[in-house]
């Protein structure tokens, strides 16, 4: 039975965030992530070929869970879902995007950093949210404070997360997974694979990775 997007993210506890500037780089990036032990990727809608890259990735790497990030409007959301994106990530909360994803049965991770935003997400039956930008909005200390009134909410902190603080975030009880681009600041296969292997090892040793 296929594992859905949320279960894959829960299992691997890291969501690599990448901007694909050239369509041909898609294969290198996704191959390196998979070979490094991380069959999950968020391709951001900040480049001209983002939609094509998602579509290419879904077709060539069917064992991966590939989502779309920096989705900020209806057109991008529908384009990403049409390309086969398994999850949608936005920098803020959008009721319209939440409704589209619910109707299409696609996981939606909205950016929420305040109690009001989290409550809006809960009103849309979303109990897993992106905490972005995590570093600027208080990091682990903020997540621990927010988990008191919102004990049922799980967070995916993104923004300022890197190899040096990955363990601290991963050990936080309210963190489902972390998102970050530090593994993908290069288009070199060997470097991406090596960084991914280190990240996977840290997440696992911190207690990350549920068996699905």
N, C-alpha and C. Protein backbone atom coordinates (compact mmCIF):
# COMPACT_ATOMS: atom_id res chain seq x y z
N UNK A 1 0.84 -1.19 0.00
CA UNK A 1 0.00 0.00 0.00
C UNK A 1 0.88 1.24 0.00
N UNK A 2 0.54 2.22 -0.82
CA UNK A 2 1.33 3.44 -0.91
C UNK A 2 1.22 4.24 0.39
N UNK A 3 2.30 4.88 0.77
CA UNK A 3 2.32 5.72 1.96
C UNK A 3 1.94 7.14 1.54
N UNK A 4 0.99 7.77 2.25
CA UNK A 4 0.59 9.11 1.86
C UNK A 4 1.64 10.15 2.27
N UNK A 5 1.44 11.37 1.81
CA UNK A 5 2.45 12.41 1.99
C UNK A 5 2.73 12.70 3.46
N UNK A 6 1.68 12.81 4.26
CA UNK A 6 1.89 13.11 5.67
C UNK A 6 2.67 12.01 6.37
N UNK A 7 2.35 10.76 6.06
CA UNK A 7 3.07 9.64 6.68
C UNK A 7 4.54 9.62 6.25
N UNK A 8 4.80 9.96 4.99
CA UNK A 8 6.18 10.00 4.52
C UNK A 8 6.98 11.08 5.23
N UNK A 9 6.36 12.25 5.40
CA UNK A 9 7.02 13.35 6.10
C UNK A 9 7.25 12.98 7.56
N UNK A 10 6.25 12.35 8.16
CA UNK A 10 6.37 11.91 9.56
C UNK A 10 7.47 10.87 9.71
N UNK A 11 7.58 9.99 8.74
CA UNK A 11 8.57 8.92 8.80
C UNK A 11 10.00 9.45 8.68
N UNK A 12 10.22 10.35 7.72
CA UNK A 12 11.58 10.81 7.44
C UNK A 12 11.97 12.07 8.19
N UNK A 13 11.00 12.86 8.61
CA UNK A 13 11.19 14.01 9.49
C UNK A 13 12.03 15.14 8.92
N UNK A 14 12.30 15.10 7.64
CA UNK A 14 12.99 16.20 6.98
C UNK A 14 12.33 16.45 5.63
N UNK A 15 12.06 17.71 5.33
CA UNK A 15 11.52 18.08 4.02
C UNK A 15 12.54 18.99 3.34
N UNK A 16 13.32 18.45 2.40
CA UNK A 16 14.31 19.27 1.69
C UNK A 16 13.59 20.28 0.78
N UNK A 17 13.99 21.53 0.86
CA UNK A 17 13.37 22.59 0.07
C UNK A 17 14.32 23.03 -1.03
N UNK A 18 13.87 22.93 -2.29
CA UNK A 18 14.76 23.24 -3.40
C UNK A 18 14.10 24.12 -4.44
N UNK A 19 14.86 25.03 -5.00
CA UNK A 19 14.43 25.83 -6.15
C UNK A 19 15.14 25.26 -7.38
N UNK A 20 14.38 24.74 -8.32
CA UNK A 20 14.95 24.17 -9.53
C UNK A 20 15.02 25.26 -10.59
N UNK A 21 16.23 25.71 -10.88
CA UNK A 21 16.40 26.80 -11.84
C UNK A 21 16.46 26.31 -13.27
N UNK A 22 16.94 25.09 -13.45
CA UNK A 22 17.00 24.48 -14.78
C UNK A 22 16.32 23.13 -14.71
N UNK A 23 15.44 22.87 -15.63
CA UNK A 23 14.65 21.64 -15.58
C UNK A 23 15.53 20.40 -15.52
N UNK A 24 16.65 20.44 -16.22
CA UNK A 24 17.53 19.27 -16.25
C UNK A 24 18.19 18.99 -14.90
N UNK A 25 18.19 19.97 -14.00
CA UNK A 25 18.76 19.75 -12.67
C UNK A 25 17.85 18.90 -11.78
N UNK A 26 16.60 18.75 -12.18
CA UNK A 26 15.63 17.99 -11.38
C UNK A 26 16.14 16.59 -11.08
N UNK A 27 16.64 15.91 -12.10
CA UNK A 27 17.08 14.53 -11.94
C UNK A 27 18.26 14.42 -10.98
N UNK A 28 19.21 15.34 -11.09
CA UNK A 28 20.38 15.32 -10.22
C UNK A 28 19.96 15.51 -8.76
N UNK A 29 19.12 16.52 -8.53
CA UNK A 29 18.71 16.85 -7.17
C UNK A 29 17.93 15.70 -6.53
N UNK A 30 16.94 15.20 -7.24
CA UNK A 30 16.10 14.15 -6.67
C UNK A 30 16.85 12.84 -6.51
N UNK A 31 17.73 12.53 -7.44
CA UNK A 31 18.55 11.31 -7.32
C UNK A 31 19.44 11.39 -6.09
N UNK A 32 20.06 12.54 -5.88
CA UNK A 32 20.97 12.71 -4.74
C UNK A 32 20.22 12.60 -3.42
N UNK A 33 19.02 13.18 -3.35
CA UNK A 33 18.22 13.09 -2.13
C UNK A 33 17.85 11.64 -1.85
N UNK A 34 17.38 10.93 -2.86
CA UNK A 34 16.99 9.53 -2.69
C UNK A 34 18.18 8.67 -2.28
N UNK A 35 19.29 8.85 -2.97
CA UNK A 35 20.48 8.05 -2.67
C UNK A 35 21.05 8.39 -1.30
N UNK A 36 20.73 9.58 -0.81
CA UNK A 36 21.16 9.98 0.52
C UNK A 36 20.20 9.49 1.60
N UNK A 37 19.11 8.82 1.19
CA UNK A 37 18.17 8.25 2.15
C UNK A 37 16.95 9.08 2.44
N UNK A 38 16.65 10.05 1.55
CA UNK A 38 15.53 10.95 1.82
C UNK A 38 14.64 11.11 0.58
N UNK A 39 13.63 10.25 0.43
CA UNK A 39 12.75 10.28 -0.75
C UNK A 39 11.61 11.28 -0.62
N UNK A 40 11.93 12.49 -0.18
CA UNK A 40 10.95 13.57 -0.01
C UNK A 40 11.56 14.85 -0.56
N UNK A 41 10.75 15.68 -1.22
CA UNK A 41 11.26 16.95 -1.72
C UNK A 41 10.14 17.96 -1.87
N UNK A 42 10.45 19.19 -1.54
CA UNK A 42 9.54 20.31 -1.78
C UNK A 42 10.18 21.21 -2.83
N UNK A 43 9.55 21.30 -4.00
CA UNK A 43 10.05 22.14 -5.08
C UNK A 43 9.27 23.45 -5.05
N UNK A 44 9.98 24.56 -4.85
CA UNK A 44 9.30 25.84 -4.64
C UNK A 44 8.89 26.49 -5.95
N UNK A 45 7.76 27.20 -5.88
CA UNK A 45 7.23 27.90 -7.04
C UNK A 45 7.84 29.30 -7.14
N UNK A 46 9.17 29.32 -7.17
CA UNK A 46 9.86 30.60 -7.32
C UNK A 46 10.68 30.66 -8.61
N UNK A 47 10.57 29.63 -9.43
CA UNK A 47 11.29 29.61 -10.69
C UNK A 47 10.32 29.31 -11.83
N UNK A 48 10.72 29.66 -13.04
CA UNK A 48 9.84 29.51 -14.20
C UNK A 48 9.50 28.06 -14.50
N UNK A 49 10.39 27.14 -14.13
CA UNK A 49 10.17 25.73 -14.48
C UNK A 49 9.68 24.89 -13.31
N UNK A 50 9.21 25.52 -12.25
CA UNK A 50 8.80 24.77 -11.05
C UNK A 50 7.73 23.73 -11.35
N UNK A 51 6.69 24.12 -12.07
CA UNK A 51 5.62 23.18 -12.40
C UNK A 51 6.11 22.01 -13.21
N UNK A 52 6.94 22.31 -14.20
CA UNK A 52 7.50 21.24 -15.03
C UNK A 52 8.41 20.33 -14.23
N UNK A 53 9.17 20.92 -13.31
CA UNK A 53 10.08 20.13 -12.48
C UNK A 53 9.30 19.16 -11.59
N UNK A 54 8.18 19.61 -11.03
CA UNK A 54 7.35 18.73 -10.21
C UNK A 54 6.81 17.59 -11.06
N UNK A 55 6.30 17.94 -12.22
CA UNK A 55 5.74 16.93 -13.12
C UNK A 55 6.80 15.91 -13.52
N UNK A 56 7.99 16.39 -13.85
CA UNK A 56 9.09 15.51 -14.23
C UNK A 56 9.49 14.60 -13.07
N UNK A 57 9.59 15.20 -11.88
CA UNK A 57 9.98 14.43 -10.71
C UNK A 57 8.99 13.34 -10.37
N UNK A 58 7.70 13.67 -10.43
CA UNK A 58 6.66 12.70 -10.12
C UNK A 58 6.70 11.51 -11.08
N UNK A 59 6.97 11.79 -12.35
CA UNK A 59 7.00 10.72 -13.35
C UNK A 59 8.26 9.87 -13.26
N UNK A 60 9.42 10.52 -13.03
CA UNK A 60 10.69 9.80 -13.05
C UNK A 60 11.06 9.21 -11.70
N UNK A 61 10.45 9.71 -10.63
CA UNK A 61 10.76 9.22 -9.28
C UNK A 61 9.44 8.89 -8.56
N UNK A 62 8.72 7.89 -9.04
CA UNK A 62 7.40 7.57 -8.49
C UNK A 62 7.42 7.12 -7.03
N UNK A 63 8.59 6.70 -6.54
CA UNK A 63 8.71 6.26 -5.15
C UNK A 63 8.90 7.44 -4.20
N UNK A 64 9.08 8.63 -4.74
CA UNK A 64 9.29 9.82 -3.91
C UNK A 64 7.97 10.51 -3.59
N UNK A 65 7.98 11.28 -2.51
CA UNK A 65 6.89 12.18 -2.20
C UNK A 65 7.37 13.58 -2.55
N UNK A 66 6.78 14.16 -3.59
CA UNK A 66 7.22 15.46 -4.09
C UNK A 66 6.08 16.46 -3.94
N UNK A 67 6.39 17.57 -3.28
CA UNK A 67 5.38 18.60 -3.07
C UNK A 67 5.81 19.93 -3.67
N UNK A 68 4.93 20.91 -3.54
CA UNK A 68 5.19 22.25 -4.07
C UNK A 68 5.23 23.24 -2.92
N UNK A 69 6.24 24.11 -2.94
CA UNK A 69 6.37 25.11 -1.90
C UNK A 69 6.22 26.53 -2.42
N UNK A 70 6.15 27.47 -1.48
CA UNK A 70 5.97 28.89 -1.79
C UNK A 70 4.76 29.08 -2.71
N UNK A 71 3.72 28.30 -2.44
CA UNK A 71 2.48 28.42 -3.21
C UNK A 71 1.64 29.52 -2.55
N UNK A 72 1.35 30.57 -3.31
CA UNK A 72 0.70 31.74 -2.70
C UNK A 72 -0.64 32.10 -3.34
N UNK A 73 -1.07 31.35 -4.35
CA UNK A 73 -2.36 31.68 -4.96
C UNK A 73 -3.01 30.44 -5.57
N UNK A 74 -4.24 30.60 -5.97
CA UNK A 74 -5.05 29.50 -6.51
C UNK A 74 -4.42 28.91 -7.77
N UNK A 75 -3.94 29.77 -8.67
CA UNK A 75 -3.37 29.29 -9.94
C UNK A 75 -2.17 28.39 -9.70
N UNK A 76 -1.27 28.80 -8.81
CA UNK A 76 -0.10 27.98 -8.50
C UNK A 76 -0.52 26.66 -7.86
N UNK A 77 -1.48 26.72 -6.97
CA UNK A 77 -1.93 25.53 -6.27
C UNK A 77 -2.51 24.51 -7.25
N UNK A 78 -3.36 24.98 -8.14
CA UNK A 78 -3.97 24.07 -9.11
C UNK A 78 -2.94 23.55 -10.10
N UNK A 79 -1.98 24.39 -10.47
CA UNK A 79 -0.90 23.94 -11.37
C UNK A 79 -0.08 22.85 -10.70
N UNK A 80 0.25 23.05 -9.43
CA UNK A 80 1.07 22.08 -8.71
C UNK A 80 0.33 20.75 -8.53
N UNK A 81 -0.93 20.81 -8.14
CA UNK A 81 -1.70 19.58 -7.96
C UNK A 81 -1.87 18.87 -9.29
N UNK A 82 -2.09 19.65 -10.35
CA UNK A 82 -2.22 19.07 -11.68
C UNK A 82 -0.94 18.38 -12.14
N UNK A 83 0.21 18.89 -11.66
CA UNK A 83 1.50 18.29 -12.00
C UNK A 83 1.79 17.05 -11.18
N UNK A 84 0.96 16.80 -10.16
CA UNK A 84 1.14 15.60 -9.35
C UNK A 84 1.71 15.83 -7.97
N UNK A 85 1.77 17.09 -7.52
CA UNK A 85 2.32 17.38 -6.19
C UNK A 85 1.55 16.63 -5.11
N UNK A 86 2.27 15.99 -4.21
CA UNK A 86 1.65 15.24 -3.13
C UNK A 86 1.32 16.07 -1.92
N UNK A 87 1.88 17.27 -1.85
CA UNK A 87 1.55 18.19 -0.76
C UNK A 87 1.81 19.62 -1.22
N UNK A 88 1.14 20.56 -0.58
CA UNK A 88 1.25 21.98 -0.90
C UNK A 88 1.71 22.73 0.35
N UNK A 89 2.71 23.58 0.18
CA UNK A 89 3.23 24.37 1.30
C UNK A 89 3.14 25.85 0.93
N UNK A 90 2.64 26.66 1.85
CA UNK A 90 2.58 28.09 1.59
C UNK A 90 3.25 28.85 2.74
N UNK A 91 3.78 30.06 2.48
CA UNK A 91 4.46 30.82 3.53
C UNK A 91 3.52 31.36 4.59
N UNK A 92 2.23 31.46 4.26
CA UNK A 92 1.22 31.91 5.21
C UNK A 92 -0.02 31.06 5.08
N UNK A 93 -1.03 31.37 5.90
CA UNK A 93 -2.28 30.61 5.83
C UNK A 93 -3.21 31.22 4.80
N UNK A 94 -3.82 30.37 3.97
CA UNK A 94 -4.80 30.80 2.98
C UNK A 94 -6.01 29.88 3.06
N UNK A 95 -7.17 30.44 3.39
CA UNK A 95 -8.37 29.62 3.44
C UNK A 95 -8.71 29.04 2.07
N UNK A 96 -8.45 29.84 1.02
CA UNK A 96 -8.73 29.38 -0.34
C UNK A 96 -7.89 28.16 -0.68
N UNK A 97 -6.60 28.22 -0.37
CA UNK A 97 -5.74 27.07 -0.64
C UNK A 97 -6.14 25.87 0.20
N UNK A 98 -6.53 26.12 1.44
CA UNK A 98 -6.97 25.03 2.31
C UNK A 98 -8.17 24.32 1.71
N UNK A 99 -9.11 25.10 1.16
CA UNK A 99 -10.31 24.52 0.57
C UNK A 99 -9.99 23.73 -0.70
N UNK A 100 -9.08 24.26 -1.52
CA UNK A 100 -8.69 23.55 -2.74
C UNK A 100 -8.05 22.21 -2.39
N UNK A 101 -7.12 22.25 -1.44
CA UNK A 101 -6.41 21.02 -1.07
C UNK A 101 -7.35 20.01 -0.42
N UNK A 102 -8.28 20.48 0.39
CA UNK A 102 -9.23 19.58 1.02
C UNK A 102 -10.10 18.89 -0.03
N UNK A 103 -10.54 19.68 -1.02
CA UNK A 103 -11.38 19.12 -2.07
C UNK A 103 -10.64 18.10 -2.92
N UNK A 104 -9.34 18.33 -3.10
CA UNK A 104 -8.53 17.44 -3.92
C UNK A 104 -7.83 16.36 -3.11
N UNK A 105 -8.04 16.38 -1.79
CA UNK A 105 -7.43 15.41 -0.87
C UNK A 105 -5.90 15.44 -0.94
N UNK A 106 -5.37 16.66 -0.92
CA UNK A 106 -3.92 16.88 -0.95
C UNK A 106 -3.52 17.54 0.36
N UNK A 107 -2.44 17.09 0.96
CA UNK A 107 -1.95 17.65 2.21
C UNK A 107 -1.58 19.13 2.02
N UNK A 108 -2.04 19.97 2.94
CA UNK A 108 -1.72 21.40 2.90
C UNK A 108 -0.99 21.79 4.19
N UNK A 109 0.18 22.39 4.05
CA UNK A 109 0.97 22.85 5.18
C UNK A 109 1.10 24.37 5.09
N UNK A 110 0.24 25.10 5.79
CA UNK A 110 0.30 26.56 5.74
C UNK A 110 1.31 27.12 6.73
N UNK A 111 1.89 28.25 6.41
CA UNK A 111 2.81 28.90 7.33
C UNK A 111 2.04 29.60 8.44
N UNK A 112 2.30 29.25 9.68
CA UNK A 112 1.62 29.82 10.84
C UNK A 112 2.65 30.07 11.94
N UNK A 113 2.69 31.29 12.47
CA UNK A 113 3.64 31.58 13.55
C UNK A 113 2.98 32.24 14.76
N UNK A 114 1.71 32.63 14.64
CA UNK A 114 1.02 33.26 15.76
C UNK A 114 -0.15 32.40 16.20
N UNK A 115 -0.63 32.58 17.44
CA UNK A 115 -1.80 31.84 17.90
C UNK A 115 -3.01 32.05 16.99
N UNK A 116 -3.21 33.26 16.51
CA UNK A 116 -4.35 33.54 15.63
C UNK A 116 -4.27 32.73 14.35
N UNK A 117 -3.09 32.67 13.74
CA UNK A 117 -2.91 31.90 12.50
C UNK A 117 -3.12 30.41 12.75
N UNK A 118 -2.64 29.92 13.86
CA UNK A 118 -2.82 28.51 14.19
C UNK A 118 -4.30 28.19 14.38
N UNK A 119 -5.03 29.10 15.03
CA UNK A 119 -6.45 28.88 15.24
C UNK A 119 -7.21 28.88 13.90
N UNK A 120 -6.79 29.73 12.97
CA UNK A 120 -7.41 29.73 11.64
C UNK A 120 -7.16 28.40 10.94
N UNK A 121 -5.95 27.88 11.09
CA UNK A 121 -5.64 26.58 10.49
C UNK A 121 -6.50 25.48 11.11
N UNK A 122 -6.66 25.51 12.43
CA UNK A 122 -7.48 24.51 13.10
C UNK A 122 -8.94 24.58 12.64
N UNK A 123 -9.42 25.80 12.37
CA UNK A 123 -10.79 25.96 11.87
C UNK A 123 -10.96 25.28 10.51
N UNK A 124 -9.86 25.13 9.77
CA UNK A 124 -9.89 24.44 8.48
C UNK A 124 -9.46 22.98 8.62
N UNK A 125 -9.48 22.49 9.87
CA UNK A 125 -9.15 21.08 10.16
C UNK A 125 -7.71 20.74 9.81
N UNK A 126 -6.81 21.69 10.00
CA UNK A 126 -5.39 21.48 9.74
C UNK A 126 -4.65 21.45 11.08
N UNK A 127 -4.11 20.30 11.42
CA UNK A 127 -3.42 20.15 12.70
C UNK A 127 -1.91 20.05 12.54
N UNK A 128 -1.42 20.15 11.30
CA UNK A 128 0.01 20.19 11.02
C UNK A 128 0.28 21.45 10.21
N UNK A 129 1.16 22.31 10.72
CA UNK A 129 1.43 23.58 10.05
C UNK A 129 2.93 23.82 9.91
N UNK A 130 3.26 24.64 8.95
CA UNK A 130 4.65 25.05 8.77
C UNK A 130 4.91 26.24 9.71
N UNK A 131 6.00 26.21 10.45
CA UNK A 131 6.38 27.32 11.32
C UNK A 131 7.49 28.09 10.60
N UNK A 132 7.11 29.22 9.97
CA UNK A 132 8.03 29.92 9.07
C UNK A 132 7.89 31.43 9.20
N UNK A 133 9.03 32.15 9.20
CA UNK A 133 10.41 31.65 9.28
C UNK A 133 10.80 31.35 10.73
N UNK A 134 11.16 30.13 10.97
CA UNK A 134 11.34 29.62 12.34
C UNK A 134 12.37 30.40 13.14
N UNK A 135 13.53 30.67 12.52
CA UNK A 135 14.59 31.35 13.25
C UNK A 135 14.21 32.74 13.71
N UNK A 136 13.54 33.48 12.86
CA UNK A 136 13.15 34.86 13.18
C UNK A 136 12.04 34.91 14.22
N UNK A 137 11.15 33.91 14.19
CA UNK A 137 10.01 33.93 15.09
C UNK A 137 10.21 33.10 16.36
N UNK A 138 11.45 32.94 16.79
CA UNK A 138 11.70 32.39 18.12
C UNK A 138 12.20 30.97 18.20
N UNK A 139 12.26 30.27 17.05
CA UNK A 139 12.84 28.94 17.04
C UNK A 139 12.20 27.96 18.01
N UNK A 140 13.02 27.13 18.61
CA UNK A 140 12.54 26.07 19.50
C UNK A 140 11.81 26.65 20.71
N UNK A 141 12.28 27.76 21.25
CA UNK A 141 11.62 28.36 22.42
C UNK A 141 10.18 28.74 22.09
N UNK A 142 9.97 29.30 20.91
CA UNK A 142 8.62 29.68 20.51
C UNK A 142 7.75 28.45 20.31
N UNK A 143 8.31 27.41 19.69
CA UNK A 143 7.55 26.18 19.47
C UNK A 143 7.11 25.56 20.79
N UNK A 144 7.99 25.56 21.78
CA UNK A 144 7.64 25.00 23.08
C UNK A 144 6.54 25.82 23.75
N UNK A 145 6.59 27.15 23.57
CA UNK A 145 5.56 28.00 24.15
C UNK A 145 4.22 27.78 23.46
N UNK A 146 4.23 27.66 22.15
CA UNK A 146 2.99 27.47 21.39
C UNK A 146 2.38 26.09 21.64
N UNK A 147 3.21 25.12 21.96
CA UNK A 147 2.69 23.76 22.16
C UNK A 147 1.85 23.66 23.44
N UNK A 148 1.98 24.63 24.35
CA UNK A 148 1.18 24.59 25.58
C UNK A 148 -0.31 24.77 25.27
N UNK A 149 -0.72 25.84 24.56
CA UNK A 149 -2.14 25.97 24.24
C UNK A 149 -2.58 25.13 23.04
N UNK A 150 -1.62 24.70 22.24
CA UNK A 150 -1.96 23.96 21.03
C UNK A 150 -1.27 22.58 21.04
N UNK A 151 -1.61 21.80 22.04
CA UNK A 151 -0.96 20.50 22.22
C UNK A 151 -1.20 19.51 21.11
N UNK A 152 -2.31 19.67 20.37
CA UNK A 152 -2.63 18.72 19.30
C UNK A 152 -2.01 19.12 17.97
N UNK A 153 -1.38 20.28 17.93
CA UNK A 153 -0.79 20.78 16.67
C UNK A 153 0.65 20.33 16.55
N UNK A 154 1.03 19.89 15.36
CA UNK A 154 2.41 19.54 15.06
C UNK A 154 2.98 20.56 14.08
N UNK A 155 4.26 20.85 14.22
CA UNK A 155 4.89 21.89 13.43
C UNK A 155 5.99 21.35 12.52
N UNK A 156 6.16 22.04 11.39
CA UNK A 156 7.27 21.77 10.48
C UNK A 156 8.07 23.07 10.39
N UNK A 157 9.00 23.31 11.33
CA UNK A 157 9.77 24.55 11.31
C UNK A 157 10.67 24.63 10.08
N UNK A 158 10.66 25.79 9.44
CA UNK A 158 11.43 26.02 8.22
C UNK A 158 11.91 27.47 8.24
N UNK A 159 13.12 27.68 7.76
CA UNK A 159 13.66 29.04 7.75
C UNK A 159 14.63 29.21 8.90
N UNK A 160 15.92 29.10 8.59
CA UNK A 160 16.92 29.17 9.64
C UNK A 160 17.29 27.82 10.21
N UNK A 161 16.68 26.76 9.70
CA UNK A 161 17.03 25.41 10.13
C UNK A 161 18.20 24.93 9.28
N UNK A 162 19.20 24.33 9.92
CA UNK A 162 20.36 23.84 9.19
C UNK A 162 20.99 22.69 9.97
N UNK A 163 22.12 22.22 9.48
CA UNK A 163 22.75 21.06 10.10
C UNK A 163 23.14 21.31 11.55
N UNK A 164 23.46 22.56 11.89
CA UNK A 164 23.91 22.86 13.24
C UNK A 164 22.80 22.84 14.28
N UNK A 165 21.57 23.11 13.88
CA UNK A 165 20.48 23.11 14.86
C UNK A 165 19.40 22.06 14.57
N UNK A 166 19.65 21.21 13.59
CA UNK A 166 18.69 20.17 13.21
C UNK A 166 18.34 19.28 14.39
N UNK A 167 19.32 18.88 15.17
CA UNK A 167 19.05 17.99 16.31
C UNK A 167 18.13 18.68 17.33
N UNK A 168 18.41 19.94 17.63
CA UNK A 168 17.60 20.66 18.62
C UNK A 168 16.13 20.71 18.18
N UNK A 169 15.91 21.02 16.92
CA UNK A 169 14.53 21.05 16.42
C UNK A 169 13.92 19.66 16.42
N UNK A 170 14.67 18.66 15.98
CA UNK A 170 14.15 17.30 15.86
C UNK A 170 13.76 16.71 17.20
N UNK A 171 14.42 17.15 18.26
CA UNK A 171 14.13 16.63 19.60
C UNK A 171 12.93 17.30 20.24
N UNK A 172 12.42 18.36 19.63
CA UNK A 172 11.26 19.08 20.17
C UNK A 172 10.00 18.24 19.95
N UNK A 173 9.24 17.98 21.00
CA UNK A 173 8.10 17.07 20.92
C UNK A 173 7.02 17.54 19.95
N UNK A 174 6.88 18.84 19.77
CA UNK A 174 5.81 19.34 18.90
C UNK A 174 6.22 19.38 17.43
N UNK A 175 7.46 19.02 17.13
CA UNK A 175 7.95 19.06 15.76
C UNK A 175 7.72 17.72 15.07
N UNK A 176 6.94 17.75 13.99
CA UNK A 176 6.70 16.56 13.19
C UNK A 176 7.87 16.29 12.26
N UNK A 177 8.39 17.38 11.68
CA UNK A 177 9.52 17.31 10.74
C UNK A 177 10.09 18.71 10.62
N UNK A 178 11.24 18.82 9.99
CA UNK A 178 11.82 20.14 9.72
C UNK A 178 11.95 20.33 8.22
N UNK A 179 11.92 21.57 7.79
CA UNK A 179 12.12 21.87 6.38
C UNK A 179 13.35 22.74 6.23
N UNK A 180 14.08 22.56 5.14
CA UNK A 180 15.27 23.38 4.96
C UNK A 180 15.93 23.17 3.62
N UNK A 181 16.75 24.14 3.25
CA UNK A 181 17.43 24.10 1.94
C UNK A 181 18.93 23.91 2.07
N UNK A 182 19.42 23.71 3.30
CA UNK A 182 20.87 23.66 3.48
C UNK A 182 21.53 22.50 2.73
N UNK A 183 20.79 21.44 2.49
CA UNK A 183 21.35 20.30 1.75
C UNK A 183 21.43 20.59 0.26
N UNK A 184 20.73 21.63 -0.18
CA UNK A 184 20.56 21.87 -1.61
C UNK A 184 21.07 23.24 -2.04
N UNK A 185 22.12 23.71 -1.37
CA UNK A 185 22.72 24.98 -1.77
C UNK A 185 23.76 24.78 -2.86
N UNK A 186 23.72 23.64 -3.50
CA UNK A 186 24.61 23.29 -4.60
C UNK A 186 23.85 22.39 -5.56
N UNK A 187 24.31 22.29 -6.79
CA UNK A 187 23.70 21.37 -7.76
C UNK A 187 24.59 20.15 -7.97
N UNK A 188 25.60 20.00 -7.11
CA UNK A 188 26.53 18.88 -7.22
C UNK A 188 25.95 17.64 -6.55
N UNK A 189 25.83 16.57 -7.30
CA UNK A 189 25.21 15.33 -6.80
C UNK A 189 25.90 14.84 -5.53
N UNK A 190 27.22 14.73 -5.55
CA UNK A 190 27.95 14.16 -4.42
C UNK A 190 27.77 14.98 -3.15
N UNK A 191 27.78 16.30 -3.28
CA UNK A 191 27.63 17.16 -2.12
C UNK A 191 26.21 17.07 -1.54
N UNK A 192 25.22 17.06 -2.42
CA UNK A 192 23.84 16.93 -1.95
C UNK A 192 23.66 15.60 -1.22
N UNK A 193 24.16 14.53 -1.81
CA UNK A 193 24.02 13.20 -1.21
C UNK A 193 24.70 13.15 0.16
N UNK A 194 25.91 13.69 0.26
CA UNK A 194 26.64 13.66 1.53
C UNK A 194 25.91 14.46 2.61
N UNK A 195 25.42 15.65 2.25
CA UNK A 195 24.69 16.48 3.22
C UNK A 195 23.39 15.80 3.64
N UNK A 196 22.74 15.14 2.69
CA UNK A 196 21.49 14.44 2.99
C UNK A 196 21.75 13.28 3.94
N UNK A 197 22.80 12.52 3.70
CA UNK A 197 23.14 11.40 4.57
C UNK A 197 23.39 11.88 6.00
N UNK A 198 24.09 12.99 6.14
CA UNK A 198 24.36 13.53 7.49
C UNK A 198 23.05 13.97 8.16
N UNK A 199 22.19 14.63 7.40
CA UNK A 199 20.92 15.10 7.95
C UNK A 199 20.05 13.93 8.39
N UNK A 200 19.97 12.90 7.57
CA UNK A 200 19.18 11.71 7.90
C UNK A 200 19.72 11.06 9.18
N UNK A 201 21.03 10.98 9.29
CA UNK A 201 21.64 10.36 10.46
C UNK A 201 21.32 11.15 11.73
N UNK A 202 21.37 12.48 11.64
CA UNK A 202 21.06 13.32 12.80
C UNK A 202 19.61 13.15 13.22
N UNK A 203 18.69 13.19 12.24
CA UNK A 203 17.27 13.06 12.55
C UNK A 203 16.97 11.71 13.20
N UNK A 204 17.60 10.66 12.70
CA UNK A 204 17.38 9.33 13.26
C UNK A 204 17.92 9.23 14.67
N UNK A 205 19.10 9.76 14.90
CA UNK A 205 19.71 9.66 16.22
C UNK A 205 19.00 10.53 17.25
N UNK A 206 18.24 11.52 16.74
CA UNK A 206 17.47 12.38 17.63
C UNK A 206 16.09 11.79 17.94
N UNK A 207 15.87 10.59 17.46
CA UNK A 207 14.61 9.93 17.69
C UNK A 207 13.63 10.12 16.56
N UNK A 208 14.10 10.68 15.43
CA UNK A 208 13.21 10.93 14.30
C UNK A 208 12.94 9.68 13.50
N UNK A 209 11.83 9.71 12.79
CA UNK A 209 11.54 8.64 11.85
C UNK A 209 10.64 7.57 12.42
N UNK A 210 9.35 7.73 12.26
CA UNK A 210 8.42 6.71 12.71
C UNK A 210 8.29 5.63 11.65
N UNK A 211 8.17 4.40 12.09
CA UNK A 211 7.97 3.31 11.15
C UNK A 211 6.51 3.27 10.71
N UNK A 212 6.31 3.37 9.41
CA UNK A 212 4.94 3.42 8.88
C UNK A 212 4.60 2.05 8.28
